[in-house]
Amino acid sequence: EVAMHLPERWGIVQFESSETTTSSERAVLYYREWPCRCAAMAIYYAMKGYHEKEGEYTSDIEALKPYSKPPFPISEEASMSISLTAGGYEARAAIASFTATVNEERYL
């Protein structure tokens, strides 16, 4: 699925500047922030499902787990928290030195 307004589902393109490197010598760089961003989006998608069924938001990560599904399952690796706001929520996911936040409007 590719959609302009779903950047968390886009592929990542890497460019090589050296013309002398053979394909077997090229290293694919790992996007270290990606797992953290995925953990935040997992909260967003699970919260969306929860809100559709329950009619409200929750700050309980455990309550979101039944609504978690691929391609963004709730992360067991991330430290996560959810703060409820007047009209929605702000969720935070942290892995290692990376932190990502997302809200009910999908602002990552």
PDB file of N, CA and C in Angstrom:
ATOM      1  N   GLU A   1       0.848  -1.178   0.000  1.00  0.00           N
ATOM      2  CA  GLU A   1       0.000   0.000   0.000  1.00  0.00           C
ATOM      3  C   GLU A   1       0.893   1.241   0.000  1.00  0.00           C
ATOM      4  N   VAL A   2       0.722   2.099  -0.960  1.00  0.00           N
ATOM      5  CA  VAL A   2       1.458   3.360  -1.021  1.00  0.00           C
ATOM      6  C   VAL A   2       0.437   4.475  -1.118  1.00  0.00           C
ATOM      7  N   ALA A   3       0.503   5.388  -0.191  1.00  0.00           N
ATOM      8  CA  ALA A   3      -0.408   6.524  -0.192  1.00  0.00           C
ATOM      9  C   ALA A   3       0.354   7.758   0.277  1.00  0.00           C
ATOM     10  N   MET A   4       0.125   8.858  -0.369  1.00  0.00           N
ATOM     11  CA  MET A   4       0.845  10.084  -0.062  1.00  0.00           C
ATOM     12  C   MET A   4       0.688  10.497   1.406  1.00  0.00           C
ATOM     13  N   HIS A   5      -0.471  10.253   1.977  1.00  0.00           N
ATOM     14  CA  HIS A   5      -0.732  10.699   3.337  1.00  0.00           C
ATOM     15  C   HIS A   5      -0.498   9.613   4.391  1.00  0.00           C
ATOM     16  N   LEU A   6       0.205   8.561   4.021  1.00  0.00           N
ATOM     17  CA  LEU A   6       0.583   7.505   4.958  1.00  0.00           C
ATOM     18  C   LEU A   6       2.093   7.272   4.877  1.00  0.00           C
ATOM     19  N   PRO A   7       2.902   8.277   5.218  1.00  0.00           N
ATOM     20  CA  PRO A   7       4.357   8.131   5.053  1.00  0.00           C
ATOM     21  C   PRO A   7       4.966   7.009   5.882  1.00  0.00           C
ATOM     22  N   GLU A   8       4.298   6.591   6.970  1.00  0.00           N
ATOM     23  CA  GLU A   8       4.844   5.494   7.765  1.00  0.00           C
ATOM     24  C   GLU A   8       4.800   4.168   7.015  1.00  0.00           C
ATOM     25  N   ARG A   9       4.134   4.138   5.874  1.00  0.00           N
ATOM     26  CA  ARG A   9       4.056   2.915   5.070  1.00  0.00           C
ATOM     27  C   ARG A   9       4.912   2.991   3.801  1.00  0.00           C
ATOM     28  N   TRP A  10       5.635   4.067   3.643  1.00  0.00           N
ATOM     29  CA  TRP A  10       6.500   4.206   2.469  1.00  0.00           C
ATOM     30  C   TRP A  10       7.749   3.366   2.642  1.00  0.00           C
ATOM     31  N   GLY A  11       8.351   2.999   1.545  1.00  0.00           N
ATOM     32  CA  GLY A  11       9.659   2.358   1.575  1.00  0.00           C
ATOM     33  C   GLY A  11      10.742   3.416   1.789  1.00  0.00           C
ATOM     34  N   ILE A  12      11.929   2.978   2.036  1.00  0.00           N
ATOM     35  CA  ILE A  12      13.057   3.888   2.220  1.00  0.00           C
ATOM     36  C   ILE A  12      14.017   3.664   1.063  1.00  0.00           C
ATOM     37  N   VAL A  13      14.398   4.745   0.404  1.00  0.00           N
ATOM     38  CA  VAL A  13      15.319   4.673  -0.726  1.00  0.00           C
ATOM     39  C   VAL A  13      16.677   5.187  -0.263  1.00  0.00           C
ATOM     40  N   GLN A  14      17.721   4.442  -0.567  1.00  0.00           N
ATOM     41  CA  GLN A  14      19.081   4.866  -0.252  1.00  0.00           C
ATOM     42  C   GLN A  14      19.843   5.043  -1.547  1.00  0.00           C
ATOM     43  N   PHE A  15      20.624   6.120  -1.622  1.00  0.00           N
ATOM     44  CA  PHE A  15      21.396   6.418  -2.823  1.00  0.00           C
ATOM     45  C   PHE A  15      22.874   6.176  -2.554  1.00  0.00           C
ATOM     46  N   GLU A  16      23.569   5.653  -3.548  1.00  0.00           N
ATOM     47  CA  GLU A  16      25.001   5.382  -3.461  1.00  0.00           C
ATOM     48  C   GLU A  16      25.712   6.384  -4.359  1.00  0.00           C
ATOM     49  N   SER A  17      26.714   7.053  -3.817  1.00  0.00           N
ATOM     50  CA  SER A  17      27.418   8.067  -4.607  1.00  0.00           C
ATOM     51  C   SER A  17      28.645   7.514  -5.331  1.00  0.00           C
ATOM     52  N   SER A  18      29.148   6.371  -4.922  1.00  0.00           N
ATOM     53  CA  SER A  18      30.345   5.816  -5.529  1.00  0.00           C
ATOM     54  C   SER A  18      29.996   4.958  -6.742  1.00  0.00           C
ATOM     55  N   GLU A  19      30.591   5.279  -7.869  1.00  0.00           N
ATOM     56  CA  GLU A  19      30.352   4.505  -9.084  1.00  0.00           C
ATOM     57  C   GLU A  19      31.278   3.297  -9.177  1.00  0.00           C
ATOM     58  N   THR A  20      32.290   3.242  -8.330  1.00  0.00           N
ATOM     59  CA  THR A  20      33.275   2.157  -8.410  1.00  0.00           C
ATOM     60  C   THR A  20      32.929   0.987  -7.506  1.00  0.00           C
ATOM     61  N   THR A  21      31.931   1.123  -6.687  1.00  0.00           N
ATOM     62  CA  THR A  21      31.561   0.056  -5.753  1.00  0.00           C
ATOM     63  C   THR A  21      30.690  -0.975  -6.455  1.00  0.00           C
ATOM     64  N   THR A  22      31.002  -2.241  -6.250  1.00  0.00           N
ATOM     65  CA  THR A  22      30.165  -3.293  -6.831  1.00  0.00           C
ATOM     66  C   THR A  22      28.945  -3.498  -5.932  1.00  0.00           C
ATOM     67  N   SER A  23      27.925  -4.118  -6.468  1.00  0.00           N
ATOM     68  CA  SER A  23      26.698  -4.312  -5.698  1.00  0.00           C
ATOM     69  C   SER A  23      26.939  -5.144  -4.447  1.00  0.00           C
ATOM     70  N   SER A  24      27.889  -6.071  -4.476  1.00  0.00           N
ATOM     71  CA  SER A  24      28.169  -6.887  -3.294  1.00  0.00           C
ATOM     72  C   SER A  24      28.920  -6.100  -2.220  1.00  0.00           C
ATOM     73  N   GLU A  25      29.531  -4.971  -2.586  1.00  0.00           N
ATOM     74  CA  GLU A  25      30.264  -4.146  -1.624  1.00  0.00           C
ATOM     75  C   GLU A  25      29.406  -3.049  -1.003  1.00  0.00           C
ATOM     76  N   ARG A  26      28.248  -2.819  -1.544  1.00  0.00           N
ATOM     77  CA  ARG A  26      27.393  -1.742  -1.049  1.00  0.00           C
ATOM     78  C   ARG A  26      26.740  -2.151   0.269  1.00  0.00           C
ATOM     79  N   ALA A  27      26.770  -1.253   1.208  1.00  0.00           N
ATOM     80  CA  ALA A  27      26.154  -1.515   2.507  1.00  0.00           C
ATOM     81  C   ALA A  27      24.799  -0.826   2.577  1.00  0.00           C
ATOM     82  N   VAL A  28      23.832  -1.542   3.053  1.00  0.00           N
ATOM     83  CA  VAL A  28      22.525  -0.949   3.286  1.00  0.00           C
ATOM     84  C   VAL A  28      22.564  -0.350   4.689  1.00  0.00           C
ATOM     85  N   LEU A  29      22.276   0.915   4.790  1.00  0.00           N
ATOM     86  CA  LEU A  29      22.290   1.579   6.085  1.00  0.00           C
ATOM     87  C   LEU A  29      20.964   1.332   6.801  1.00  0.00           C
ATOM     88  N   TYR A  30      21.053   0.977   8.058  1.00  0.00           N
ATOM     89  CA  TYR A  30      19.864   0.716   8.855  1.00  0.00           C
ATOM     90  C   TYR A  30      19.327   2.043   9.397  1.00  0.00           C
ATOM     91  N   TYR A  31      18.050   2.281   9.245  1.00  0.00           N
ATOM     92  CA  TYR A  31      17.400   3.492   9.741  1.00  0.00           C
ATOM     93  C   TYR A  31      17.067   3.246  11.211  1.00  0.00           C
ATOM     94  N   ARG A  32      17.947   3.658  12.096  1.00  0.00           N
ATOM     95  CA  ARG A  32      17.860   3.315  13.514  1.00  0.00           C
ATOM     96  C   ARG A  32      16.633   3.903  14.216  1.00  0.00           C
ATOM     97  N   GLU A  33      16.092   4.967  13.684  1.00  0.00           N
ATOM     98  CA  GLU A  33      14.915   5.589  14.297  1.00  0.00           C
ATOM     99  C   GLU A  33      13.618   4.839  13.952  1.00  0.00           C
ATOM    100  N   TRP A  34      13.654   4.001  12.924  1.00  0.00           N
ATOM    101  CA  TRP A  34      12.451   3.348  12.414  1.00  0.00           C
ATOM    102  C   TRP A  34      11.683   2.537  13.468  1.00  0.00           C
ATOM    103  N   PRO A  35      12.309   1.679  14.269  1.00  0.00           N
ATOM    104  CA  PRO A  35      11.540   0.917  15.261  1.00  0.00           C
ATOM    105  C   PRO A  35      10.766   1.811  16.234  1.00  0.00           C
ATOM    106  N   CYS A  36      11.360   2.924  16.615  1.00  0.00           N
ATOM    107  CA  CYS A  36      10.703   3.856  17.525  1.00  0.00           C
ATOM    108  C   CYS A  36       9.492   4.516  16.855  1.00  0.00           C
ATOM    109  N   ARG A  37       9.655   4.924  15.623  1.00  0.00           N
ATOM    110  CA  ARG A  37       8.544   5.529  14.881  1.00  0.00           C
ATOM    111  C   ARG A  37       7.418   4.512  14.674  1.00  0.00           C
ATOM    112  N   CYS A  38       7.782   3.258  14.404  1.00  0.00           N
ATOM    113  CA  CYS A  38       6.778   2.190  14.250  1.00  0.00           C
ATOM    114  C   CYS A  38       6.033   1.947  15.556  1.00  0.00           C
ATOM    115  N   ALA A  39       6.740   2.014  16.680  1.00  0.00           N
ATOM    116  CA  ALA A  39       6.097   1.817  17.981  1.00  0.00           C
ATOM    117  C   ALA A  39       5.061   2.911  18.236  1.00  0.00           C
ATOM    118  N   ALA A  40       5.387   4.143  17.870  1.00  0.00           N
ATOM    119  CA  ALA A  40       4.424   5.240  18.031  1.00  0.00           C
ATOM    120  C   ALA A  40       3.219   5.039  17.116  1.00  0.00           C
ATOM    121  N   MET A  41       3.463   4.631  15.885  1.00  0.00           N
ATOM    122  CA  MET A  41       2.349   4.411  14.958  1.00  0.00           C
ATOM    123  C   MET A  41       1.499   3.218  15.380  1.00  0.00           C
ATOM    124  N   ALA A  42       2.093   2.245  16.044  1.00  0.00           N
ATOM    125  CA  ALA A  42       1.318   1.114  16.562  1.00  0.00           C
ATOM    126  C   ALA A  42       0.302   1.599  17.586  1.00  0.00           C
ATOM    127  N   ILE A  43       0.728   2.536  18.429  1.00  0.00           N
ATOM    128  CA  ILE A  43      -0.212   3.107  19.395  1.00  0.00           C
ATOM    129  C   ILE A  43      -1.325   3.841  18.660  1.00  0.00           C
ATOM    130  N   TYR A  44      -0.959   4.623  17.649  1.00  0.00           N
ATOM    131  CA  TYR A  44      -1.969   5.373  16.896  1.00  0.00           C
ATOM    132  C   TYR A  44      -3.025   4.440  16.298  1.00  0.00           C
ATOM    133  N   TYR A  45      -2.603   3.412  15.591  1.00  0.00           N
ATOM    134  CA  TYR A  45      -3.557   2.520  14.921  1.00  0.00           C
ATOM    135  C   TYR A  45      -4.386   1.719  15.929  1.00  0.00           C
ATOM    136  N   ALA A  46      -3.767   1.262  17.021  1.00  0.00           N
ATOM    137  CA  ALA A  46      -4.531   0.543  18.045  1.00  0.00           C
ATOM    138  C   ALA A  46      -5.530   1.482  18.722  1.00  0.00           C
ATOM    139  N   MET A  47      -5.103   2.711  18.975  1.00  0.00           N
ATOM    140  CA  MET A  47      -5.997   3.685  19.600  1.00  0.00           C
ATOM    141  C   MET A  47      -7.163   4.015  18.680  1.00  0.00           C
ATOM    142  N   LYS A  48      -6.906   4.080  17.403  1.00  0.00           N
ATOM    143  CA  LYS A  48      -7.974   4.348  16.440  1.00  0.00           C
ATOM    144  C   LYS A  48      -9.037   3.246  16.521  1.00  0.00           C
ATOM    145  N   GLY A  49      -8.610   1.996  16.560  1.00  0.00           N
ATOM    146  CA  GLY A  49      -9.543   0.881  16.686  1.00  0.00           C
ATOM    147  C   GLY A  49     -10.286   0.909  18.017  1.00  0.00           C
ATOM    148  N   TYR A  50      -9.557   1.217  19.080  1.00  0.00           N
ATOM    149  CA  TYR A  50     -10.162   1.307  20.408  1.00  0.00           C
ATOM    150  C   TYR A  50     -11.226   2.403  20.434  1.00  0.00           C
ATOM    151  N   HIS A  51     -10.878   3.560  19.893  1.00  0.00           N
ATOM    152  CA  HIS A  51     -11.804   4.706  19.889  1.00  0.00           C
ATOM    153  C   HIS A  51     -13.054   4.410  19.065  1.00  0.00           C
ATOM    154  N   GLU A  52     -12.893   3.727  17.950  1.00  0.00           N
ATOM    155  CA  GLU A  52     -14.052   3.384  17.119  1.00  0.00           C
ATOM    156  C   GLU A  52     -15.022   2.473  17.872  1.00  0.00           C
ATOM    157  N   LYS A  53     -14.489   1.574  18.695  1.00  0.00           N
ATOM    158  CA  LYS A  53     -15.353   0.638  19.425  1.00  0.00           C
ATOM    159  C   LYS A  53     -15.871   1.223  20.734  1.00  0.00           C
ATOM    160  N   GLU A  54     -14.994   1.873  21.492  1.00  0.00           N
ATOM    161  CA  GLU A  54     -15.344   2.332  22.834  1.00  0.00           C
ATOM    162  C   GLU A  54     -15.880   3.767  22.874  1.00  0.00           C
ATOM    163  N   GLY A  55     -15.613   4.546  21.832  1.00  0.00           N
ATOM    164  CA  GLY A  55     -16.079   5.934  21.800  1.00  0.00           C
ATOM    165  C   GLY A  55     -15.275   6.895  22.654  1.00  0.00           C
ATOM    166  N   GLU A  56     -14.117   6.438  23.121  1.00  0.00           N
ATOM    167  CA  GLU A  56     -13.242   7.285  23.931  1.00  0.00           C
ATOM    168  C   GLU A  56     -11.802   6.835  23.746  1.00  0.00           C
ATOM    169  N   TYR A  57     -10.870   7.649  24.242  1.00  0.00           N
ATOM    170  CA  TYR A  57      -9.457   7.292  24.216  1.00  0.00           C
ATOM    171  C   TYR A  57      -9.081   6.728  25.578  1.00  0.00           C
ATOM    172  N   THR A  58      -7.966   6.035  25.642  1.00  0.00           N
ATOM    173  CA  THR A  58      -7.488   5.456  26.892  1.00  0.00           C
ATOM    174  C   THR A  58      -6.005   5.765  27.076  1.00  0.00           C
ATOM    175  N   SER A  59      -5.579   5.794  28.321  1.00  0.00           N
ATOM    176  CA  SER A  59      -4.146   5.943  28.603  1.00  0.00           C
ATOM    177  C   SER A  59      -3.525   4.588  28.953  1.00  0.00           C
ATOM    178  N   ASP A  60      -4.311   3.523  28.854  1.00  0.00           N
ATOM    179  CA  ASP A  60      -3.888   2.168  29.217  1.00  0.00           C
ATOM    180  C   ASP A  60      -3.374   1.401  27.989  1.00  0.00           C
ATOM    181  N   ILE A  61      -2.076   1.196  27.932  1.00  0.00           N
ATOM    182  CA  ILE A  61      -1.458   0.469  26.815  1.00  0.00           C
ATOM    183  C   ILE A  61      -2.026  -0.948  26.723  1.00  0.00           C
ATOM    184  N   GLU A  62      -2.239  -1.594  27.858  1.00  0.00           N
ATOM    185  CA  GLU A  62      -2.770  -2.965  27.858  1.00  0.00           C
ATOM    186  C   GLU A  62      -4.144  -3.027  27.198  1.00  0.00           C
ATOM    187  N   ALA A  63      -4.962  -1.992  27.382  1.00  0.00           N
ATOM    188  CA  ALA A  63      -6.299  -1.966  26.773  1.00  0.00           C
ATOM    189  C   ALA A  63      -6.225  -1.871  25.254  1.00  0.00           C
ATOM    190  N   LEU A  64      -5.096  -1.397  24.734  1.00  0.00           N
ATOM    191  CA  LEU A  64      -4.931  -1.256  23.284  1.00  0.00           C
ATOM    192  C   LEU A  64      -4.464  -2.538  22.607  1.00  0.00           C
ATOM    193  N   LYS A  65      -3.876  -3.444  23.355  1.00  0.00           N
ATOM    194  CA  LYS A  65      -3.286  -4.645  22.756  1.00  0.00           C
ATOM    195  C   LYS A  65      -4.265  -5.467  21.914  1.00  0.00           C
ATOM    196  N   PRO A  66      -5.534  -5.617  22.311  1.00  0.00           N
ATOM    197  CA  PRO A  66      -6.454  -6.362  21.439  1.00  0.00           C
ATOM    198  C   PRO A  66      -6.707  -5.674  20.085  1.00  0.00           C
ATOM    199  N   TYR A  67      -6.377  -4.397  19.986  1.00  0.00           N
ATOM    200  CA  TYR A  67      -6.592  -3.641  18.748  1.00  0.00           C
ATOM    201  C   TYR A  67      -5.321  -3.522  17.918  1.00  0.00           C
ATOM    202  N   SER A  68      -4.261  -4.101  18.400  1.00  0.00           N
ATOM    203  CA  SER A  68      -2.960  -4.056  17.728  1.00  0.00           C
ATOM    204  C   SER A  68      -2.927  -5.069  16.601  1.00  0.00           C
ATOM    205  N   LYS A  69      -2.402  -4.650  15.434  1.00  0.00           N
ATOM    206  CA  LYS A  69      -2.304  -5.581  14.303  1.00  0.00           C
ATOM    207  C   LYS A  69      -1.207  -5.136  13.339  1.00  0.00           C
ATOM    208  N   PRO A  70      -0.714  -6.062  12.528  1.00  0.00           N
ATOM    209  CA  PRO A  70       0.303  -5.714  11.530  1.00  0.00           C
ATOM    210  C   PRO A  70      -0.247  -4.699  10.534  1.00  0.00           C
ATOM    211  N   PRO A  71       0.566  -3.873   9.987  1.00  0.00           N
ATOM    212  CA  PRO A  71       2.031  -3.909  10.030  1.00  0.00           C
ATOM    213  C   PRO A  71       2.633  -3.172  11.223  1.00  0.00           C
ATOM    214  N   PHE A  72       1.800  -2.712  12.160  1.00  0.00           N
ATOM    215  CA  PHE A  72       2.309  -1.978  13.324  1.00  0.00           C
ATOM    216  C   PHE A  72       1.789  -2.580  14.623  1.00  0.00           C
ATOM    217  N   PRO A  73       2.319  -3.743  15.039  1.00  0.00           N
ATOM    218  CA  PRO A  73       1.887  -4.312  16.311  1.00  0.00           C
ATOM    219  C   PRO A  73       2.472  -3.524  17.486  1.00  0.00           C
ATOM    220  N   ILE A  74       1.779  -3.542  18.611  1.00  0.00           N
ATOM    221  CA  ILE A  74       2.283  -2.873  19.815  1.00  0.00           C
ATOM    222  C   ILE A  74       3.655  -3.460  20.154  1.00  0.00           C
ATOM    223  N   SER A  75       4.621  -2.600  20.389  1.00  0.00           N
ATOM    224  CA  SER A  75       6.000  -3.008  20.626  1.00  0.00           C
ATOM    225  C   SER A  75       6.222  -3.415  22.084  1.00  0.00           C
ATOM    226  N   GLU A  76       6.852  -4.549  22.268  1.00  0.00           N
ATOM    227  CA  GLU A  76       7.263  -4.965  23.613  1.00  0.00           C
ATOM    228  C   GLU A  76       8.616  -4.346  23.967  1.00  0.00           C
ATOM    229  N   GLU A  77       9.329  -3.885  22.961  1.00  0.00           N
ATOM    230  CA  GLU A  77      10.663  -3.311  23.155  1.00  0.00           C
ATOM    231  C   GLU A  77      10.612  -1.864  23.621  1.00  0.00           C
ATOM    232  N   ALA A  78       9.567  -1.145  23.240  1.00  0.00           N
ATOM    233  CA  ALA A  78       9.486   0.295  23.503  1.00  0.00           C
ATOM    234  C   ALA A  78       8.940   0.593  24.891  1.00  0.00           C
ATOM    235  N   SER A  79       9.415   1.691  25.438  1.00  0.00           N
ATOM    236  CA  SER A  79       8.821   2.266  26.639  1.00  0.00           C
ATOM    237  C   SER A  79       7.742   3.216  26.130  1.00  0.00           C
ATOM    238  N   MET A  80       6.484   3.016  26.533  1.00  0.00           N
ATOM    239  CA  MET A  80       5.381   3.782  25.959  1.00  0.00           C
ATOM    240  C   MET A  80       4.542   4.436  27.046  1.00  0.00           C
ATOM    241  N   SER A  81       3.988   5.606  26.710  1.00  0.00           N
ATOM    242  CA  SER A  81       3.056   6.279  27.607  1.00  0.00           C
ATOM    243  C   SER A  81       2.047   7.049  26.763  1.00  0.00           C
ATOM    244  N   ILE A  82       0.879   7.258  27.338  1.00  0.00           N
ATOM    245  CA  ILE A  82      -0.180   7.996  26.666  1.00  0.00           C
ATOM    246  C   ILE A  82      -0.730   9.023  27.646  1.00  0.00           C
ATOM    247  N   SER A  83      -0.796  10.278  27.208  1.00  0.00           N
ATOM    248  CA  SER A  83      -1.407  11.343  27.992  1.00  0.00           C
ATOM    249  C   SER A  83      -2.682  11.772  27.295  1.00  0.00           C
ATOM    250  N   LEU A  84      -3.777  11.736  28.029  1.00  0.00           N
ATOM    251  CA  LEU A  84      -5.040  12.187  27.456  1.00  0.00           C
ATOM    252  C   LEU A  84      -5.080  13.706  27.487  1.00  0.00           C
ATOM    253  N   THR A  85      -5.605  14.308  26.434  1.00  0.00           N
ATOM    254  CA  THR A  85      -5.728  15.760  26.325  1.00  0.00           C
ATOM    255  C   THR A  85      -7.210  16.111  26.229  1.00  0.00           C
ATOM    256  N   ALA A  86      -7.516  17.391  26.143  1.00  0.00           N
ATOM    257  CA  ALA A  86      -8.908  17.842  26.104  1.00  0.00           C
ATOM    258  C   ALA A  86      -9.697  17.168  24.975  1.00  0.00           C
ATOM    259  N   GLY A  87      -9.108  17.056  23.795  1.00  0.00           N
ATOM    260  CA  GLY A  87      -9.840  16.475  22.674  1.00  0.00           C
ATOM    261  C   GLY A  87      -9.260  15.199  22.133  1.00  0.00           C
ATOM    262  N   GLY A  88      -8.247  14.653  22.779  1.00  0.00           N
ATOM    263  CA  GLY A  88      -7.615  13.467  22.231  1.00  0.00           C
ATOM    264  C   GLY A  88      -6.525  12.920  23.137  1.00  0.00           C
ATOM    265  N   TYR A  89      -5.330  12.749  22.574  1.00  0.00           N
ATOM    266  CA  TYR A  89      -4.222  12.178  23.334  1.00  0.00           C
ATOM    267  C   TYR A  89      -2.899  12.514  22.666  1.00  0.00           C
ATOM    268  N   GLU A  90      -1.824  12.324  23.416  1.00  0.00           N
ATOM    269  CA  GLU A  90      -0.476  12.342  22.863  1.00  0.00           C
ATOM    270  C   GLU A  90       0.218  11.101  23.400  1.00  0.00           C
ATOM    271  N   ALA A  91       0.700  10.282  22.496  1.00  0.00           N
ATOM    272  CA  ALA A  91       1.395   9.051  22.874  1.00  0.00           C
ATOM    273  C   ALA A  91       2.885   9.209  22.613  1.00  0.00           C
ATOM    274  N   ARG A  92       3.682   8.582  23.455  1.00  0.00           N
ATOM    275  CA  ARG A  92       5.137   8.652  23.348  1.00  0.00           C
ATOM    276  C   ARG A  92       5.706   7.240  23.378  1.00  0.00           C
ATOM    277  N   ALA A  93       6.608   6.969  22.461  1.00  0.00           N
ATOM    278  CA  ALA A  93       7.319   5.688  22.425  1.00  0.00           C
ATOM    279  C   ALA A  93       8.811   5.983  22.399  1.00  0.00           C
ATOM    280  N   ALA A  94       9.572   5.259  23.211  1.00  0.00           N
ATOM    281  CA  ALA A  94      11.019   5.464  23.269  1.00  0.00           C
ATOM    282  C   ALA A  94      11.719   4.112  23.174  1.00  0.00           C
ATOM    283  N   ILE A  95      12.742   4.079  22.325  1.00  0.00           N
ATOM    284  CA  ILE A  95      13.614   2.911  22.206  1.00  0.00           C
ATOM    285  C   ILE A  95      15.034   3.457  22.114  1.00  0.00           C
ATOM    286  N   ALA A  96      15.879   2.985  23.024  1.00  0.00           N
ATOM    287  CA  ALA A  96      17.267   3.453  23.099  1.00  0.00           C
ATOM    288  C   ALA A  96      17.266   4.974  23.215  1.00  0.00           C
ATOM    289  N   SER A  97      17.983   5.662  22.350  1.00  0.00           N
ATOM    290  CA  SER A  97      18.067   7.124  22.450  1.00  0.00           C
ATOM    291  C   SER A  97      17.014   7.838  21.600  1.00  0.00           C
ATOM    292  N   PHE A  98      16.088   7.094  21.011  1.00  0.00           N
ATOM    293  CA  PHE A  98      15.083   7.693  20.132  1.00  0.00           C
ATOM    294  C   PHE A  98      13.724   7.772  20.820  1.00  0.00           C
ATOM    295  N   THR A  99      13.031   8.866  20.569  1.00  0.00           N
ATOM    296  CA  THR A  99      11.674   9.059  21.086  1.00  0.00           C
ATOM    297  C   THR A  99      10.808   9.568  19.952  1.00  0.00           C
ATOM    298  N   ALA A 100       9.609   9.018  19.841  1.00  0.00           N
ATOM    299  CA  ALA A 100       8.642   9.481  18.843  1.00  0.00           C
ATOM    300  C   ALA A 100       7.321   9.725  19.549  1.00  0.00           C
ATOM    301  N   THR A 101       6.633  10.770  19.126  1.00  0.00           N
ATOM    302  CA  THR A 101       5.310  11.065  19.668  1.00  0.00           C
ATOM    303  C   THR A 101       4.302  11.066  18.523  1.00  0.00           C
ATOM    304  N   VAL A 102       3.057  10.777  18.857  1.00  0.00           N
ATOM    305  CA  VAL A 102       1.975  10.801  17.885  1.00  0.00           C
ATOM    306  C   VAL A 102       0.711  11.217  18.628  1.00  0.00           C
ATOM    307  N   ASN A 103      -0.202  11.890  17.913  1.00  0.00           N
ATOM    308  CA  ASN A 103      -1.467  12.260  18.536  1.00  0.00           C
ATOM    309  C   ASN A 103      -2.633  11.713  17.735  1.00  0.00           C
ATOM    310  N   GLU A 104      -3.843  12.058  18.164  1.00  0.00           N
ATOM    311  CA  GLU A 104      -5.047  11.522  17.529  1.00  0.00           C
ATOM    312  C   GLU A 104      -5.216  11.961  16.083  1.00  0.00           C
ATOM    313  N   GLU A 105      -4.498  13.009  15.672  1.00  0.00           N
ATOM    314  CA  GLU A 105      -4.554  13.470  14.281  1.00  0.00           C
ATOM    315  C   GLU A 105      -3.475  12.828  13.420  1.00  0.00           C
ATOM    316  N   ARG A 106      -2.744  11.888  13.988  1.00  0.00           N
ATOM    317  CA  ARG A 106      -1.687  11.144  13.304  1.00  0.00           C
ATOM    318  C   ARG A 106      -0.432  11.975  13.063  1.00  0.00           C
ATOM    319  N   TYR A 107      -0.274  13.062  13.821  1.00  0.00           N
ATOM    320  CA  TYR A 107       0.953  13.852  13.696  1.00  0.00           C
ATOM    321  C   TYR A 107       2.064  13.125  14.410  1.00  0.00           C
ATOM    322  N   LEU A 108       3.002  12.612  13.644  1.00  0.00           N
ATOM    323  CA  LEU A 108       4.123  11.839  14.184  1.00  0.00           C
ATOM    324  C   LEU A 108       5.316  12.755  14.375  1.00  0.00           C
TER     325      LEU A 108
END
